[in-house]
Amino acid sequence: MDKSVAKLVKVMEAVASHGDRGAGTTEIARQIDWPKGTASRVLTSLEEYGLLERDVVSKAYRIGPQVLKWASALVSPGARQHAVRARMAEFAGSAHLCVYLCELIGTQIVCTDVAYPPLSNRYFARVGAVMPLNAAAAAKVIGAFLPSDQLEELIAKCPFDRLTDKTLTDPAALRRDLEQVQGRRYATCYEEMEPGVAAFSVPVMLDGSGASLSVVGSARDFKKNQSSILQSLRELAVEIEAFSLVPGGHR
């Protein structure tokens, strides 16, 4: 194996051995017997490519969302995941909407599964995409139901980029919005990420963990049909949660 590749693999294996708790630069350097400065440079580079992520509070490194994206393309789905994907595909076909699942991975909310309608349209989601907490309905639904300390960690790490003139860029405004999301148990995104585009999201439990189920489409159509779209989405969430309770398979 090439020495530079071997170094990267060694660091990734060291970080992975600490699970979701993660480990700091000093701990990783000691574990792999490297100078702290060398370990710091490699860890920073891996974070820049999404292979690792760093906790803003503890400064610990954990496996990043890019690894999940690659893994999702390689791991053979179990019976439960097949059932979820089949039902999502059926919904996408009948509703003519892109439907997608998102989960909290470390301190990022990541799209982990997508189903597209048979006829392509301009509204889509991408597996592996990180959803911004201040704009994406899928991220807001997950954030709204997190413990306060965990939510504050996500808010501290959120860059609050202004994607459109409707994007929330103030942490206090975001907190107020998340309180409303928690109360009504759904989130909307009307042109907060892209002009003319809307998304609705509802909470869904996957193997005991909070996730979000969302659809994306035309802002004009979604505003006109908000009630019926949300009702259909909630019904789909109930079905997916039922699949999650069936023994066997993995997500």
Protein backbone atom coordinates (compact mmCIF):
# COMPACT_ATOMS: atom_id res chain seq x y z
CA MET A 1 0.00 0.00 0.00
CA ASP A 2 1.19 3.51 -0.78
CA LYS A 3 2.62 5.12 2.39
CA SER A 4 0.45 8.24 2.13
CA VAL A 5 -2.69 6.12 1.73
CA ALA A 6 -1.62 3.91 4.64
CA LYS A 7 -1.32 7.00 6.84
CA LEU A 8 -4.84 8.13 6.00
CA VAL A 9 -6.26 4.66 6.65
CA LYS A 10 -4.44 4.52 9.98
CA VAL A 11 -5.99 7.81 11.09
CA MET A 12 -9.49 6.85 9.93
CA GLU A 13 -9.29 3.52 11.77
CA ALA A 14 -8.12 5.27 14.94
CA VAL A 15 -11.00 7.77 14.84
CA ALA A 16 -13.54 5.03 14.03
CA SER A 17 -12.40 2.99 17.05
CA HIS A 18 -13.83 5.69 19.34
CA GLY A 19 -17.33 5.47 17.87
CA ASP A 20 -19.73 8.40 18.19
CA ARG A 21 -17.83 9.79 21.20
CA GLY A 22 -14.92 10.64 18.94
CA ALA A 23 -11.41 11.57 20.05
CA GLY A 24 -9.29 14.71 20.14
CA THR A 25 -6.07 15.40 18.29
CA THR A 26 -3.83 14.56 21.26
CA GLU A 27 -5.58 11.24 21.87
CA ILE A 28 -5.39 10.23 18.21
CA ALA A 29 -1.72 11.26 17.94
CA ARG A 30 -0.88 9.18 21.01
CA GLN A 31 -2.87 6.21 19.72
CA ILE A 32 -1.06 6.05 16.36
CA ASP A 33 2.28 7.25 17.77
CA TRP A 34 2.58 10.38 15.64
CA PRO A 35 3.73 13.90 16.48
CA LYS A 36 0.71 16.00 17.42
CA GLY A 37 1.41 18.51 14.63
CA THR A 38 1.40 15.78 11.96
CA ALA A 39 -1.80 14.26 13.30
CA SER A 40 -3.45 17.69 13.40
CA ARG A 41 -2.64 18.42 9.75
CA VAL A 42 -3.97 15.06 8.56
CA LEU A 43 -7.13 15.30 10.69
CA THR A 44 -7.83 18.80 9.39
CA SER A 45 -7.43 17.65 5.78
CA LEU A 46 -9.79 14.72 6.30
CA GLU A 47 -12.34 17.06 7.87
CA GLU A 48 -12.15 19.38 4.85
CA TYR A 49 -13.15 16.47 2.58
CA GLY A 50 -16.03 15.39 4.82
CA LEU A 51 -14.34 12.14 5.85
CA LEU A 52 -14.22 13.37 9.43
CA GLU A 53 -16.17 15.96 11.37
CA ARG A 54 -15.12 17.88 14.47
CA ASP A 55 -17.37 18.58 17.45
CA VAL A 56 -17.50 22.34 18.03
CA VAL A 57 -17.70 21.90 21.81
CA SER A 58 -15.50 18.89 22.67
CA LYS A 59 -13.19 19.32 19.62
CA ALA A 60 -13.35 15.55 19.16
CA TYR A 61 -13.15 14.07 15.67
CA ARG A 62 -15.72 11.55 14.43
CA ILE A 63 -16.37 9.75 11.15
CA GLY A 64 -17.91 12.24 8.70
CA PRO A 65 -20.94 12.18 6.36
CA GLN A 66 -18.92 11.41 3.23
CA VAL A 67 -18.12 7.97 4.64
CA LEU A 68 -21.86 7.34 5.11
CA LYS A 69 -22.48 8.33 1.51
CA TRP A 70 -19.96 5.78 0.25
CA ALA A 71 -21.17 3.10 2.62
CA SER A 72 -24.79 3.52 1.53
CA ALA A 73 -23.73 2.71 -2.04
CA LEU A 74 -21.93 -0.47 -1.01
CA VAL A 75 -23.90 -2.07 1.81
CA SER A 76 -26.50 -4.60 0.69
CA PRO A 77 -29.84 -3.40 2.10
CA GLY A 78 -31.75 -5.72 4.41
CA ALA A 79 -35.37 -6.71 4.05
CA ARG A 80 -36.52 -3.76 6.13
CA GLN A 81 -34.67 -1.22 4.00
CA HIS A 82 -36.00 -2.85 0.84
CA ALA A 83 -39.53 -2.45 2.20
CA VAL A 84 -38.95 1.20 3.10
CA ARG A 85 -37.45 1.98 -0.31
CA ALA A 86 -40.24 0.18 -2.14
CA ARG A 87 -42.91 2.14 -0.25
CA MET A 88 -41.07 5.42 -0.81
CA ALA A 89 -40.82 4.63 -4.54
CA GLU A 90 -44.54 3.84 -4.66
CA PHE A 91 -45.33 7.14 -2.94
CA ALA A 92 -43.03 9.08 -5.28
CA GLY A 93 -44.76 7.53 -8.26
CA SER A 94 -48.31 8.23 -7.09
CA ALA A 95 -47.65 11.71 -5.68
CA HIS A 96 -45.27 12.71 -8.50
CA LEU A 97 -42.88 14.05 -5.89
CA CYS A 98 -39.32 13.37 -4.79
CA VAL A 99 -39.40 11.92 -1.24
CA TYR A 100 -36.34 11.53 0.96
CA LEU A 101 -35.14 10.49 4.42
CA CYS A 102 -32.62 12.42 6.51
CA GLU A 103 -30.81 11.40 9.70
CA LEU A 104 -28.50 13.03 12.22
CA ILE A 105 -24.96 11.78 11.66
CA GLY A 106 -22.65 13.21 14.29
CA THR A 107 -23.44 16.92 14.17
CA GLN A 108 -24.72 17.02 10.59
CA ILE A 109 -28.15 16.23 9.19
CA VAL A 110 -27.62 14.09 6.11
CA CYS A 111 -29.88 12.75 3.38
CA THR A 112 -29.66 8.94 3.58
CA ASP A 113 -32.31 7.72 1.11
CA VAL A 114 -34.24 9.15 -1.85
CA ALA A 115 -37.04 8.01 -4.15
CA TYR A 116 -37.81 9.87 -7.38
CA PRO A 117 -41.02 9.94 -9.44
CA PRO A 118 -40.91 7.99 -12.73
CA LEU A 119 -41.00 11.19 -14.78
CA SER A 120 -38.01 13.36 -13.93
CA ASN A 121 -38.53 16.92 -12.77
CA ARG A 122 -36.33 19.73 -11.51
CA TYR A 123 -36.99 19.03 -7.84
CA PHE A 124 -34.65 16.53 -6.24
CA ALA A 125 -32.59 15.53 -3.19
CA ARG A 126 -29.23 13.77 -3.16
CA VAL A 127 -28.01 10.99 -0.87
CA GLY A 128 -25.10 12.30 1.19
CA ALA A 129 -26.21 15.94 0.99
CA VAL A 130 -25.88 17.86 4.26
CA MET A 131 -29.07 19.76 5.12
CA PRO A 132 -28.57 23.27 6.58
CA LEU A 133 -30.34 23.68 9.91
CA ASN A 134 -31.31 27.28 9.20
CA ALA A 135 -33.01 26.54 5.87
CA ALA A 136 -33.94 22.91 5.20
CA ALA A 137 -37.28 21.60 6.46
CA ALA A 138 -35.68 18.15 6.86
CA ALA A 139 -33.06 19.56 9.22
CA LYS A 140 -35.50 21.70 11.19
CA VAL A 141 -37.74 18.73 12.00
CA ILE A 142 -34.81 16.78 13.41
CA GLY A 143 -33.38 19.78 15.26
CA ALA A 144 -36.73 20.65 16.84
CA PHE A 145 -36.90 17.37 18.75
CA LEU A 146 -33.28 17.17 19.94
CA PRO A 147 -32.28 17.70 23.59
CA SER A 148 -31.44 21.37 24.14
CA ASP A 149 -27.69 20.82 24.60
CA GLN A 150 -27.48 18.79 21.39
CA LEU A 151 -29.52 21.38 19.49
CA GLU A 152 -27.29 24.20 20.73
CA GLU A 153 -24.27 22.29 19.45
CA LEU A 154 -25.85 22.12 15.99
CA ILE A 155 -26.77 25.81 16.09
CA ALA A 156 -23.21 26.72 17.10
CA LYS A 157 -21.85 24.80 14.12
CA CYS A 158 -24.43 26.13 11.62
CA PRO A 159 -22.81 28.68 9.25
CA PHE A 160 -26.13 30.51 8.71
CA ASP A 161 -25.40 31.11 5.04
CA ARG A 162 -27.99 33.29 3.30
CA LEU A 163 -29.14 31.06 0.43
CA THR A 164 -32.08 33.30 -0.56
CA ASP A 165 -33.67 36.44 0.83
CA LYS A 166 -36.00 34.18 2.88
CA THR A 167 -33.27 32.18 4.63
CA LEU A 168 -33.06 32.54 8.41
CA THR A 169 -29.65 33.96 9.34
CA ASP A 170 -30.22 34.77 13.02
CA PRO A 171 -29.85 32.04 15.71
CA ALA A 172 -32.62 33.56 17.84
CA ALA A 173 -35.03 33.52 14.88
CA LEU A 174 -34.09 29.91 14.19
CA ARG A 175 -34.80 28.90 17.79
CA ARG A 176 -38.25 30.51 17.58
CA ASP A 177 -38.92 28.70 14.31
CA LEU A 178 -37.89 25.35 15.80
CA GLU A 179 -40.24 25.88 18.75
CA GLN A 180 -43.10 26.27 16.27
CA VAL A 181 -41.97 23.17 14.36
CA GLN A 182 -41.99 21.15 17.56
CA GLY A 183 -45.49 22.34 18.40
CA ARG A 184 -47.08 21.55 15.04
CA ARG A 185 -44.87 18.49 14.29
CA TYR A 186 -43.94 19.47 10.76
CA ALA A 187 -41.61 21.92 9.05
CA THR A 188 -41.89 23.86 5.83
CA CYS A 189 -39.25 25.44 3.62
CA TYR A 190 -40.74 28.02 1.28
CA GLU A 191 -37.97 29.30 -0.96
CA GLU A 192 -35.47 29.35 1.93
CA MET A 193 -32.97 27.27 -0.03
CA GLU A 194 -33.86 28.05 -3.63
CA PRO A 195 -36.33 30.47 -5.29
CA GLY A 196 -39.51 28.76 -6.45
CA VAL A 197 -38.80 25.58 -4.47
CA ALA A 198 -40.55 24.31 -1.34
CA ALA A 199 -40.19 21.30 0.94
CA PHE A 200 -42.30 19.79 3.70
CA SER A 201 -40.93 17.52 6.41
CA VAL A 202 -42.36 15.40 9.25
CA PRO A 203 -40.61 13.46 12.02
CA VAL A 204 -40.18 9.71 11.68
CA MET A 205 -38.58 7.14 13.99
CA LEU A 206 -36.02 4.80 12.41
CA ASP A 207 -34.77 2.04 14.71
CA GLY A 208 -35.44 4.21 17.75
CA SER A 209 -33.69 7.31 16.39
CA GLY A 210 -35.33 10.53 15.26
CA ALA A 211 -35.19 11.20 11.53
CA SER A 212 -37.16 13.22 9.00
CA LEU A 213 -39.25 12.32 5.98
CA SER A 214 -39.59 15.04 3.37
CA VAL A 215 -40.91 15.95 -0.06
CA VAL A 216 -39.72 18.71 -2.38
CA GLY A 217 -41.51 20.47 -5.22
CA SER A 218 -42.89 23.71 -6.60
CA ALA A 219 -43.45 26.43 -4.00
CA ARG A 220 -46.63 27.50 -5.80
CA ASP A 221 -48.08 23.96 -5.85
CA PHE A 222 -47.05 23.25 -2.26
CA LYS A 223 -48.68 26.42 -0.96
CA LYS A 224 -51.90 25.56 -2.74
CA ASN A 225 -51.94 21.92 -1.56
CA GLN A 226 -50.11 22.12 1.76
CA SER A 227 -52.76 20.36 3.85
CA SER A 228 -53.20 17.35 1.54
CA ILE A 229 -49.45 16.92 0.91
CA LEU A 230 -48.69 17.00 4.63
CA GLN A 231 -51.44 14.48 5.36
CA SER A 232 -50.06 12.06 2.76
CA LEU A 233 -46.55 12.56 4.12
CA ARG A 234 -47.66 11.84 7.69
CA GLU A 235 -49.38 8.63 6.56
CA LEU A 236 -46.20 7.53 4.79
CA ALA A 237 -44.18 8.26 7.95
CA VAL A 238 -46.46 5.97 9.97
CA GLU A 239 -45.93 3.16 7.45
CA ILE A 240 -42.14 3.62 7.50
CA GLU A 241 -42.08 3.59 11.29
CA ALA A 242 -44.00 0.31 11.18
CA PHE A 243 -41.36 -1.19 8.88
CA SER A 244 -38.70 -0.05 11.36
CA LEU A 245 -40.34 -2.15 14.09
CA VAL A 246 -40.14 -5.35 12.02
CA PRO A 247 -37.26 -7.60 13.22
CA GLY A 248 -34.35 -8.21 10.86
CA GLY A 249 -32.46 -6.10 8.36
CA HIS A 250 -30.52 -2.90 8.90
CA ARG A 251 -30.58 0.72 8.14
